[in-house]
């Protein structure tokens, strides 16, 4: 499988299942309505598991922060970083579009809750404080990349696939449960940006703002956290 196609499909699966569980829990009239945080974090962990399996041929980055962190650590060629990131963003957009297709009636039924509609596509802060919010994303992504680098230190595979699907799912599950309550733990710029673009484009009854004023935080925070994790990892070797 072409490496870029691998990243595209893996990220699409990740977002289809990840955003899908948020839709099931948040939108009105679904079978899983009000299922709660445990349901969301569990399904996101399984979404990562599935994405890693599908994208194993490319190393299963699925995340620009992973790609950049590996490049900073000298474990991935910078020349390949941008194509990987573009494939991830496009995959995330398609995954979000499929979620909209599946839950379209429920998006319209939730027309009085534009914030809930947006939450299906992108992350947002529990308490809006840009400094605290970006620190949360930096720390959460630092943990993600730091553990990935250590688990993959002796492997020729670079990316989430270096851990194997189950360990990386457990890692993301732990981050979501422990560190995700402040911002919804984007820890992945493609996961937030691609679906946020789709929210802006897709028709929904009662749709509100896509909150572009917040969108820089789940982009810059994860990138910063990934770079810091790579630098600390290199210093400790």
Protein backbone atom coordinates (compact mmCIF):
# COMPACT_ATOMS: atom_id res chain seq x y z
CA UNK A 1 0.00 0.00 0.00
CA UNK A 2 1.25 3.49 -0.85
CA UNK A 3 2.44 5.16 2.35
CA UNK A 4 0.31 8.27 1.82
CA UNK A 5 -2.76 6.18 1.06
CA UNK A 6 -2.02 4.26 4.27
CA UNK A 7 -1.94 7.47 6.30
CA UNK A 8 -5.09 8.74 4.59
CA UNK A 9 -7.13 5.59 5.22
CA UNK A 10 -5.81 5.10 8.75
CA UNK A 11 -6.66 8.65 9.75
CA UNK A 12 -10.06 8.39 8.09
CA UNK A 13 -10.84 5.29 10.17
CA UNK A 14 -9.55 7.02 13.31
CA UNK A 15 -11.84 10.02 12.83
CA UNK A 16 -14.84 8.02 11.62
CA UNK A 17 -14.84 5.98 14.82
CA UNK A 18 -13.57 8.75 17.12
CA UNK A 19 -15.89 11.53 15.99
CA UNK A 20 -18.58 8.90 15.60
CA UNK A 21 -18.65 8.10 19.30
CA UNK A 22 -18.89 11.80 20.16
CA UNK A 23 -21.86 12.08 17.81
CA UNK A 24 -23.47 9.04 19.44
CA UNK A 25 -23.06 10.49 22.92
CA UNK A 26 -23.72 14.19 22.28
CA UNK A 27 -26.39 14.40 19.59
CA UNK A 28 -30.07 14.09 20.44
CA UNK A 29 -32.07 10.97 19.74
CA UNK A 30 -29.15 8.56 19.34
CA UNK A 31 -29.00 5.19 21.07
CA UNK A 32 -25.93 6.32 22.98
CA UNK A 33 -27.14 9.79 24.00
CA UNK A 34 -25.57 10.96 27.28
CA UNK A 35 -23.32 7.91 27.39
CA UNK A 36 -20.61 9.94 29.13
CA UNK A 37 -16.87 10.46 29.16
CA UNK A 38 -15.93 6.82 29.69
CA UNK A 39 -17.78 5.84 26.51
CA UNK A 40 -16.03 8.59 24.54
CA UNK A 41 -12.52 7.87 25.81
CA UNK A 42 -12.94 4.12 25.40
CA UNK A 43 -14.14 4.37 21.81
CA UNK A 44 -11.41 6.89 20.93
CA UNK A 45 -8.84 4.40 22.22
CA UNK A 46 -10.38 1.67 20.07
CA UNK A 47 -10.48 4.10 17.15
CA UNK A 48 -6.73 4.52 17.48
CA UNK A 49 -6.36 0.74 17.66
CA UNK A 50 -8.22 0.35 14.37
CA UNK A 51 -6.39 3.23 12.69
CA UNK A 52 -3.01 1.79 13.64
CA UNK A 53 -3.90 -1.61 12.22
CA UNK A 54 -5.03 -0.12 8.92
CA UNK A 55 -2.07 2.27 8.60
CA UNK A 56 0.67 -0.10 9.75
CA UNK A 57 2.43 -0.04 6.33
CA UNK A 58 3.25 3.68 6.76
CA UNK A 59 4.14 3.37 10.45
CA UNK A 60 0.67 4.66 11.39
CA UNK A 61 1.55 8.24 12.26
CA UNK A 62 -2.11 9.33 11.90
CA UNK A 63 -1.14 12.62 13.48
CA UNK A 64 1.02 15.57 12.39
CA UNK A 65 2.40 15.75 15.93
CA UNK A 66 3.71 12.21 15.60
CA UNK A 67 5.21 13.00 12.19
CA UNK A 68 6.87 16.20 13.45
CA UNK A 69 8.05 14.58 16.68
CA UNK A 70 9.71 11.76 14.78
CA UNK A 71 11.31 14.23 12.37
CA UNK A 72 12.68 16.34 15.24
CA UNK A 73 14.07 13.16 16.81
CA UNK A 74 15.80 12.32 13.52
CA UNK A 75 13.69 9.20 12.98
CA UNK A 76 11.69 10.45 9.99
CA UNK A 77 12.76 12.42 6.93
CA UNK A 78 11.62 16.05 6.95
CA UNK A 79 11.09 15.83 3.19
CA UNK A 80 8.29 13.33 3.77
CA UNK A 81 6.64 15.23 6.62
CA UNK A 82 4.41 17.59 4.64
CA UNK A 83 2.95 14.88 2.35
CA UNK A 84 2.17 12.76 5.40
CA UNK A 85 0.49 15.69 7.15
CA UNK A 86 -1.62 16.53 4.09
CA UNK A 87 -2.73 12.89 3.82
CA UNK A 88 -3.67 12.89 7.50
CA UNK A 89 -5.71 16.09 7.22
CA UNK A 90 -7.55 14.84 4.13
CA UNK A 91 -8.25 11.52 5.82
CA UNK A 92 -9.61 13.35 8.86
CA UNK A 93 -11.88 15.44 6.63
CA UNK A 94 -13.32 12.37 4.91
CA UNK A 95 -13.79 10.59 8.24
CA UNK A 96 -15.71 13.59 9.60
CA UNK A 97 -17.81 13.74 6.44
CA UNK A 98 -18.81 10.09 6.91
CA UNK A 99 -19.83 10.81 10.50
CA UNK A 100 -22.05 13.61 9.21
CA UNK A 101 -23.60 11.24 6.67
CA UNK A 102 -24.38 8.66 9.35
CA UNK A 103 -25.70 11.11 11.95
CA UNK A 104 -27.20 13.74 9.64
CA UNK A 105 -30.73 13.43 11.07
CA UNK A 106 -29.36 13.71 14.59
CA UNK A 107 -27.33 16.81 13.74
CA UNK A 108 -30.56 18.42 12.57
CA UNK A 109 -32.40 17.17 15.66
CA UNK A 110 -29.74 18.94 17.76
CA UNK A 111 -30.31 22.31 16.09
CA UNK A 112 -30.78 23.94 19.49
CA UNK A 113 -27.31 22.80 20.58
CA UNK A 114 -24.75 24.24 18.14
CA UNK A 115 -21.99 23.67 20.67
CA UNK A 116 -22.79 19.97 20.73
CA UNK A 117 -22.77 19.84 16.95
CA UNK A 118 -19.31 21.40 16.89
CA UNK A 119 -18.06 19.07 19.64
CA UNK A 120 -18.58 16.11 17.30
CA UNK A 121 -16.06 17.60 14.87
CA UNK A 122 -13.51 19.39 17.01
CA UNK A 123 -12.25 19.89 20.52
CA UNK A 124 -12.96 22.78 22.84
CA UNK A 125 -12.03 23.88 26.34
CA UNK A 126 -14.04 23.09 29.45
CA UNK A 127 -12.87 26.46 30.80
CA UNK A 128 -11.67 28.88 28.13
CA UNK A 129 -8.24 30.11 29.14
CA UNK A 130 -5.84 30.13 26.17
CA UNK A 131 -2.71 29.78 28.28
CA UNK A 132 -4.06 26.88 30.35
CA UNK A 133 -5.62 25.28 27.29
CA UNK A 134 -2.43 25.26 25.25
CA UNK A 135 -0.40 24.01 28.23
CA UNK A 136 -2.85 21.11 28.53
CA UNK A 137 -2.39 20.22 24.87
CA UNK A 138 1.39 20.54 25.12
CA UNK A 139 1.58 18.20 28.12
CA UNK A 140 -0.87 15.66 26.72
CA UNK A 141 0.98 15.47 23.42
CA UNK A 142 4.35 15.38 25.18
CA UNK A 143 3.24 12.21 26.97
CA UNK A 144 1.99 10.69 23.72
CA UNK A 145 5.19 11.32 21.75
CA UNK A 146 7.57 10.60 24.64
CA UNK A 147 6.07 7.16 25.21
CA UNK A 148 5.96 6.43 21.48
CA UNK A 149 9.65 7.29 21.13
CA UNK A 150 10.64 5.08 24.05
CA UNK A 151 8.51 2.16 22.93
CA UNK A 152 9.81 2.42 19.39
CA UNK A 153 13.45 3.00 20.30
CA UNK A 154 14.52 -0.46 19.20
CA UNK A 155 12.19 -0.79 16.25
CA UNK A 156 12.65 -0.12 12.57
CA UNK A 157 9.01 0.97 12.40
CA UNK A 158 8.53 4.64 13.22
CA UNK A 159 5.13 5.83 14.34
CA UNK A 160 2.25 4.51 16.41
CA UNK A 161 2.77 1.12 14.79
CA UNK A 162 6.09 0.87 16.63
CA UNK A 163 4.10 0.25 19.81
CA UNK A 164 1.56 -2.09 18.28
CA UNK A 165 -2.16 -1.33 18.18
CA UNK A 166 -3.04 -2.42 21.72
CA UNK A 167 -0.31 -0.52 23.62
CA UNK A 168 -0.97 2.69 21.71
CA UNK A 169 -4.71 2.33 22.34
CA UNK A 170 -3.98 1.96 26.06
CA UNK A 171 -1.71 5.02 25.91
CA UNK A 172 -4.39 7.17 24.28
CA UNK A 173 -7.00 5.79 26.69
CA UNK A 174 -4.82 6.81 29.65
CA UNK A 175 -4.23 10.29 28.24
CA UNK A 176 -7.95 10.77 27.66
CA UNK A 177 -8.94 9.62 31.13
CA UNK A 178 -6.19 11.45 32.98
CA UNK A 179 -5.45 14.58 30.96
CA UNK A 180 -8.40 15.03 28.61
CA UNK A 181 -10.86 16.81 30.85
CA UNK A 182 -9.58 20.32 30.18
CA UNK A 183 -9.58 20.56 26.38
CA UNK A 184 -10.90 17.24 25.10
CA UNK A 185 -7.32 16.10 24.36
CA UNK A 186 -6.92 16.87 20.68
CA UNK A 187 -3.20 15.86 20.84
CA UNK A 188 -3.47 15.72 17.05
CA UNK A 189 -3.74 18.77 14.77
CA UNK A 190 -5.28 16.77 11.90
CA UNK A 191 -7.90 15.31 14.22
CA UNK A 192 -9.08 18.84 15.08
CA UNK A 193 -8.39 20.90 11.96
CA UNK A 194 -9.75 18.55 9.29
CA UNK A 195 -13.11 17.95 10.98
CA UNK A 196 -13.40 21.63 11.94
CA UNK A 197 -13.13 22.50 8.24
CA UNK A 198 -15.92 20.02 7.53
CA UNK A 199 -18.07 21.57 10.25
CA UNK A 200 -17.65 24.92 8.53
CA UNK A 201 -18.61 23.46 5.14
CA UNK A 202 -21.42 20.99 5.89
CA UNK A 203 -25.07 22.03 6.20
CA UNK A 204 -26.73 21.54 9.59
CA UNK A 205 -29.86 23.06 11.06
CA UNK A 206 -28.98 25.59 13.73
CA UNK A 207 -25.24 25.32 13.07
CA UNK A 208 -23.19 27.87 14.96
CA UNK A 209 -19.62 29.08 14.76
CA UNK A 210 -16.75 26.73 13.99
CA UNK A 211 -14.80 28.58 16.72
CA UNK A 212 -11.77 29.39 14.60
CA UNK A 213 -10.56 31.68 17.38
CA UNK A 214 -9.73 28.56 19.40
CA UNK A 215 -8.51 26.42 16.50
CA UNK A 216 -4.85 27.46 16.80
CA UNK A 217 -4.55 25.83 20.24
CA UNK A 218 -5.10 22.20 19.13
CA UNK A 219 -2.62 22.85 16.31
CA UNK A 220 0.19 24.71 18.03
CA UNK A 221 -0.12 22.89 21.36
CA UNK A 222 0.38 19.37 19.98
CA UNK A 223 3.17 20.46 17.63
CA UNK A 224 5.00 22.14 20.54
CA UNK A 225 4.47 19.16 22.82
CA UNK A 226 5.75 16.78 20.15
CA UNK A 227 8.89 18.82 19.50
CA UNK A 228 9.63 19.11 23.23
CA UNK A 229 9.16 15.37 23.72
CA UNK A 230 11.57 14.63 20.87
CA UNK A 231 14.18 17.02 22.26
CA UNK A 232 13.94 15.62 25.80
CA UNK A 233 14.10 12.08 24.44
CA UNK A 234 17.26 12.95 22.49
CA UNK A 235 18.86 14.51 25.57
CA UNK A 236 18.20 11.40 27.62
CA UNK A 237 19.74 8.99 25.12
